[in-house]
Protein backbone atom coordinates (compact mmCIF):
# COMPACT_ATOMS: atom_id res chain seq x y z
CA UNK A 1 -4.88 -1.41 7.80
CA UNK A 2 -5.21 1.91 5.74
CA UNK A 3 -5.26 -0.24 2.48
CA UNK A 4 -8.81 -1.63 3.72
CA UNK A 5 -9.87 1.95 5.11
CA UNK A 6 -9.26 3.17 1.26
CA UNK A 7 -10.83 0.16 -0.34
CA UNK A 8 -13.91 0.65 1.68
CA UNK A 9 -14.17 4.41 0.92
CA UNK A 10 -13.79 3.80 -2.75
CA UNK A 11 -15.59 0.64 -3.38
CA UNK A 12 -17.84 0.75 -6.12
CA UNK A 13 -21.32 1.89 -6.37
CA UNK A 14 -24.14 0.28 -8.40
CA UNK A 15 -23.24 1.02 -11.92
CA UNK A 16 -19.70 2.82 -11.50
CA UNK A 17 -16.80 0.98 -12.71
CA UNK A 18 -13.71 2.33 -10.29
CA UNK A 19 -10.78 0.19 -9.42
CA UNK A 20 -8.52 1.37 -6.93
CA UNK A 21 -4.73 -0.11 -6.67
CA UNK A 22 -3.06 1.03 -3.39
CA UNK A 23 0.82 0.13 -3.27
CA UNK A 24 1.54 0.62 0.40
CA UNK A 25 5.17 0.93 -0.57
CA UNK A 26 7.42 0.79 -3.38
CA UNK A 27 8.94 -2.98 -3.90
CA UNK A 28 12.15 -1.20 -4.83
CA UNK A 29 12.35 0.26 -1.31
CA UNK A 30 11.16 -2.87 0.71
CA UNK A 31 12.98 -5.16 -1.17
CA UNK A 32 16.49 -3.06 -1.43
CA UNK A 33 15.48 -2.00 2.27
CA UNK A 34 13.90 -4.70 4.09
CA UNK A 35 11.69 -2.41 5.80
CA UNK A 36 8.67 -3.44 7.41
CA UNK A 37 5.60 -1.08 5.93
CA UNK A 38 4.70 1.22 9.64
CA UNK A 39 1.78 2.70 10.38
CA UNK A 40 1.48 6.38 9.01
CA UNK A 41 0.34 9.44 10.95
CA UNK A 42 0.67 11.50 8.11
CA UNK A 43 0.89 11.59 4.52
CA UNK A 44 2.72 14.15 1.86
CA UNK A 45 1.08 14.73 -1.38
CA UNK A 46 4.76 14.55 -3.33
CA UNK A 47 3.31 17.16 -5.98
CA UNK A 48 1.77 19.86 -4.11
CA UNK A 49 3.90 18.98 -1.02
CA UNK A 50 0.95 19.10 1.47
CA UNK A 51 0.88 17.00 4.50
CA UNK A 52 -2.36 15.40 5.51
CA UNK A 53 -3.59 13.75 8.53
CA UNK A 54 -5.04 9.99 8.01
CA UNK A 55 -8.23 11.23 7.61
CA UNK A 56 -7.73 14.02 5.33
CA UNK A 57 -5.80 11.64 3.14
CA UNK A 58 -8.79 9.24 3.42
CA UNK A 59 -10.92 11.84 2.40
CA UNK A 60 -8.61 13.14 -0.49
CA UNK A 61 -8.69 9.93 -2.04
CA UNK A 62 -12.19 9.34 -1.62
CA UNK A 63 -13.05 12.73 -3.39
CA UNK A 64 -10.30 11.70 -6.08
CA UNK A 65 -12.24 8.77 -6.86
CA UNK A 66 -15.30 10.12 -7.35
CA UNK A 67 -14.43 13.13 -9.33
CA UNK A 68 -12.77 11.02 -11.89
CA UNK A 69 -15.58 8.56 -11.74
CA UNK A 70 -18.46 11.30 -12.44
CA UNK A 71 -15.87 12.10 -15.36
CA UNK A 72 -16.34 9.01 -17.12
CA UNK A 73 -20.37 8.98 -16.73
CA UNK A 74 -19.82 5.34 -16.28
CA UNK A 75 -18.69 4.88 -19.61
CA UNK A 76 -14.79 3.75 -19.32
CA UNK A 77 -13.31 2.08 -16.28
CA UNK A 78 -11.21 4.26 -13.91
CA UNK A 79 -8.04 3.40 -12.53
CA UNK A 80 -6.41 4.96 -9.72
CA UNK A 81 -2.98 3.91 -8.37
CA UNK A 82 -2.03 5.61 -5.27
CA UNK A 83 2.09 4.54 -4.69
CA UNK A 84 3.38 5.44 -1.21
CA UNK A 85 6.63 5.35 -2.40
CA UNK A 86 9.08 6.98 0.56
CA UNK A 87 8.73 7.38 4.09
CA UNK A 88 10.04 10.00 6.28
CA UNK A 89 10.06 10.28 10.06
CA UNK A 90 9.66 13.09 11.88
CA UNK A 91 10.02 13.59 15.90
CA UNK A 92 7.42 10.44 16.75
CA UNK A 93 5.42 10.72 13.15
CA UNK A 94 5.75 8.58 10.35
CA UNK A 95 4.94 10.44 7.25
CA UNK A 96 4.09 8.13 3.92
CA UNK A 97 4.94 10.62 0.53
CA UNK A 98 2.69 9.43 -2.14
CA UNK A 99 1.94 9.80 -5.84
CA UNK A 100 -1.03 8.86 -7.89
CA UNK A 101 -1.59 8.23 -11.12
CA UNK A 102 -5.20 7.98 -13.30
CA UNK A 103 -6.02 6.26 -16.38
CA UNK A 104 -9.62 6.06 -17.84
CA UNK A 105 -9.73 3.18 -20.19
CA UNK A 106 -6.31 2.78 -21.68
CA UNK A 107 -5.23 6.39 -21.59
CA UNK A 108 -3.36 7.91 -18.69
CA UNK A 109 -5.12 11.25 -17.37
CA UNK A 110 -2.49 11.59 -14.56
CA UNK A 111 0.72 10.28 -14.36
CA UNK A 112 2.95 11.39 -11.60
CA UNK A 113 5.30 8.46 -11.80
CA UNK A 114 8.52 10.11 -13.62
CA UNK A 115 10.85 7.03 -13.48
CA UNK A 116 8.37 5.94 -15.74
CA UNK A 117 6.50 8.51 -17.49
CA UNK A 118 9.65 9.59 -19.81
CA UNK A 119 10.03 5.89 -21.36
CA UNK A 120 6.60 6.15 -23.35
CA UNK A 121 6.80 6.27 -26.79
CA UNK A 122 10.62 6.01 -26.37
CA UNK A 123 11.75 3.77 -29.75
CA UNK A 124 13.69 0.79 -28.52
CA UNK A 125 16.50 0.06 -31.50
CA UNK A 126 17.25 -3.27 -31.98
CA UNK A 127 19.06 -5.11 -29.67
CA UNK A 128 20.55 -8.71 -29.45
CA UNK A 129 20.61 -11.07 -26.62
CA UNK A 130 21.55 -14.66 -25.93
CA UNK A 131 19.05 -16.38 -23.79
CA UNK A 132 19.34 -18.83 -20.83
CA UNK A 133 18.70 -21.67 -23.46
CA UNK A 134 21.10 -20.33 -25.79
CA UNK A 135 18.84 -18.92 -28.41
CA UNK A 136 19.82 -15.51 -30.27
CA UNK A 137 16.70 -12.92 -29.92
CA UNK A 138 16.03 -9.47 -30.81
CA UNK A 139 14.45 -7.06 -28.72
CA UNK A 140 13.25 -3.67 -30.40
CA UNK A 141 12.94 -2.12 -33.78
CA UNK A 142 10.06 -4.11 -36.28
CA UNK A 143 9.00 -7.42 -34.94
CA UNK A 144 5.95 -9.36 -36.10
CA UNK A 145 4.30 -9.30 -32.51
CA UNK A 146 4.40 -6.81 -29.89
CA UNK A 147 6.40 -7.51 -26.65
CA UNK A 148 5.99 -7.60 -22.77
CA UNK A 149 9.49 -7.33 -20.85
CA UNK A 150 9.24 -8.22 -17.12
CA UNK A 151 12.17 -6.63 -15.14
CA UNK A 152 12.95 -8.72 -12.25
CA UNK A 153 15.60 -9.65 -9.52
CA UNK A 154 16.29 -12.88 -7.55
CA UNK A 155 15.37 -11.67 -4.20
CA UNK A 156 12.85 -8.93 -4.72
CA UNK A 157 9.58 -10.70 -3.08
CA UNK A 158 7.25 -8.56 -5.24
CA UNK A 159 9.00 -9.97 -8.47
CA UNK A 160 7.97 -13.38 -7.33
CA UNK A 161 5.07 -13.09 -6.12
CA UNK A 162 3.96 -11.72 -9.92
CA UNK A 163 5.59 -14.81 -11.57
CA UNK A 164 2.10 -17.28 -11.33
CA UNK A 165 0.36 -14.27 -13.30
CA UNK A 166 2.92 -13.55 -15.42
CA UNK A 167 2.78 -17.59 -16.59
CA UNK A 168 -0.78 -17.61 -17.39
CA UNK A 169 -0.62 -14.70 -19.60
CA UNK A 170 2.21 -16.38 -21.69
CA UNK A 171 -0.04 -19.57 -21.65
CA UNK A 172 -2.92 -17.52 -22.57
CA UNK A 173 -1.47 -15.14 -25.59
CA UNK A 174 1.79 -16.58 -26.57
CA UNK A 175 1.20 -16.87 -30.04
CA UNK A 176 0.21 -13.24 -30.19
CA UNK A 177 2.79 -11.62 -28.01
CA UNK A 178 6.69 -12.22 -27.12
CA UNK A 179 7.06 -12.45 -23.52
CA UNK A 180 10.46 -11.75 -22.32
CA UNK A 181 11.54 -11.51 -18.61
CA UNK A 182 15.16 -9.44 -18.31
CA UNK A 183 17.32 -9.56 -15.18
CA UNK A 184 20.36 -7.67 -14.51
CA UNK A 185 21.89 -10.68 -12.60
CA UNK A 186 24.21 -13.49 -13.69
CA UNK A 187 23.31 -16.38 -15.51
CA UNK A 188 24.21 -18.80 -12.61
CA UNK A 189 21.75 -16.87 -9.74
CA UNK A 190 18.81 -16.85 -12.32
CA UNK A 191 19.35 -20.57 -12.82
CA UNK A 192 19.51 -21.11 -8.86
CA UNK A 193 16.19 -19.23 -8.47
CA UNK A 194 14.40 -20.99 -11.38
CA UNK A 195 16.10 -24.64 -10.14
CA UNK A 196 12.51 -24.72 -7.99
CA UNK A 197 10.09 -22.54 -9.67
CA UNK A 198 8.50 -22.41 -13.27
CA UNK A 199 8.73 -19.08 -14.98
CA UNK A 200 7.63 -19.47 -18.62
CA UNK A 201 8.68 -16.20 -19.75
CA UNK A 202 11.96 -16.30 -21.99
CA UNK A 203 15.08 -15.51 -19.35
CA UNK A 204 17.88 -13.19 -20.40
CA UNK A 205 20.64 -12.37 -17.92
CA UNK A 206 23.18 -9.75 -17.62
CA UNK A 207 21.10 -7.29 -18.86
CA UNK A 208 22.30 -4.33 -16.90
CA UNK A 209 23.37 -2.19 -19.98
CA UNK A 210 20.17 -2.63 -21.62
CA UNK A 211 17.95 -1.71 -18.39
CA UNK A 212 20.18 1.42 -17.83
CA UNK A 213 19.64 2.46 -21.51
CA UNK A 214 16.17 2.64 -21.13
CA UNK A 215 16.78 4.36 -17.56
CA UNK A 216 14.85 1.59 -15.61
CA UNK A 217 15.43 1.41 -11.86
CA UNK A 218 12.08 0.23 -10.64
CA UNK A 219 11.28 -3.57 -9.97
CA UNK A 220 9.23 -5.36 -10.85
CA UNK A 221 8.59 -3.45 -13.81
CA UNK A 222 6.60 -4.60 -17.02
CA UNK A 223 7.13 -2.82 -20.21
CA UNK A 224 4.72 -3.12 -23.59
CA UNK A 225 6.51 -2.60 -26.83
CA UNK A 226 4.77 -2.40 -30.11
CA UNK A 227 5.38 -4.35 -33.21
CA UNK A 228 7.34 -1.09 -34.26
CA UNK A 229 9.80 -1.02 -31.55
CA UNK A 230 8.11 1.64 -29.15
CA UNK A 231 7.22 1.39 -25.37
CA UNK A 232 3.49 2.09 -25.38
CA UNK A 233 2.89 0.97 -21.90
CA UNK A 234 4.82 0.69 -18.30
CA UNK A 235 3.25 -1.06 -15.11
CA UNK A 236 4.20 -1.92 -11.85
CA UNK A 237 2.38 -4.75 -9.98
CA UNK A 238 -1.36 -4.38 -10.98
CA UNK A 239 -4.03 -7.05 -11.21
CA UNK A 240 -3.67 -9.87 -14.16
CA UNK A 241 -6.89 -8.24 -15.84
CA UNK A 242 -4.81 -5.14 -16.30
CA UNK A 243 -2.10 -6.68 -18.17
CA UNK A 244 -4.89 -8.65 -20.25
CA UNK A 245 -6.23 -5.42 -21.13
CA UNK A 246 -2.94 -3.91 -22.63
CA UNK A 247 -2.06 -6.95 -24.10
CA UNK A 248 -5.34 -6.94 -25.84
CA UNK A 249 -4.99 -3.17 -27.11
CA UNK A 250 -1.25 -3.95 -27.65
CA UNK A 251 -2.14 -7.31 -30.34
CA UNK A 252 -4.46 -5.32 -32.26
CA UNK A 253 -2.53 -2.04 -33.17
């Protein structure tokens, strides 16, 4: 697979700190369309419009990773996230259209995911919700702890795969962070799903209007809100330690 090739290309050399996240296709695309991931003949840079052969694409990723790794002088961890978010066919070719994000430590150097970038530093006014258990909670505004929100829905394979990681985060940081799962689906659908699964986040159903108000459409999406109600970080599917790093930054702010 291309993922294996690129992972080999960007395997860390001794003394370098580089992490590659490769998302072959967005969870939203795969979940909604039930499409299998094809073998790509070409890739298209969504920013420049450049069409690349497989070898040119691999070289581009390798050089991109090396350039930013060198810029850190080995003093900070580099995260390079390549997201193939759409697929286009042309005659007998399959073209993967990609964006990429670059983060050094906690700061984004490049963020081309416009569906998420616009929400950074958005202020969330207080919204009151009733949880699946009947409790009343508030999201946004001033809180005693920062909040992690997971957007998910029943039928999203990526969302389901992420739940064990989220449960571990909740177990480790429950006393320092609010953990809330928002779903636009109805209460019965969520309860049926959770009958045979453990998901320890506070669960809220029928949250479509709130999700629309913050202009979210990608799933799963993880939103980190500080104690004053401002969105500070947004991530899709990433390794558990990335969530842990963000939470550690959030709880000391």
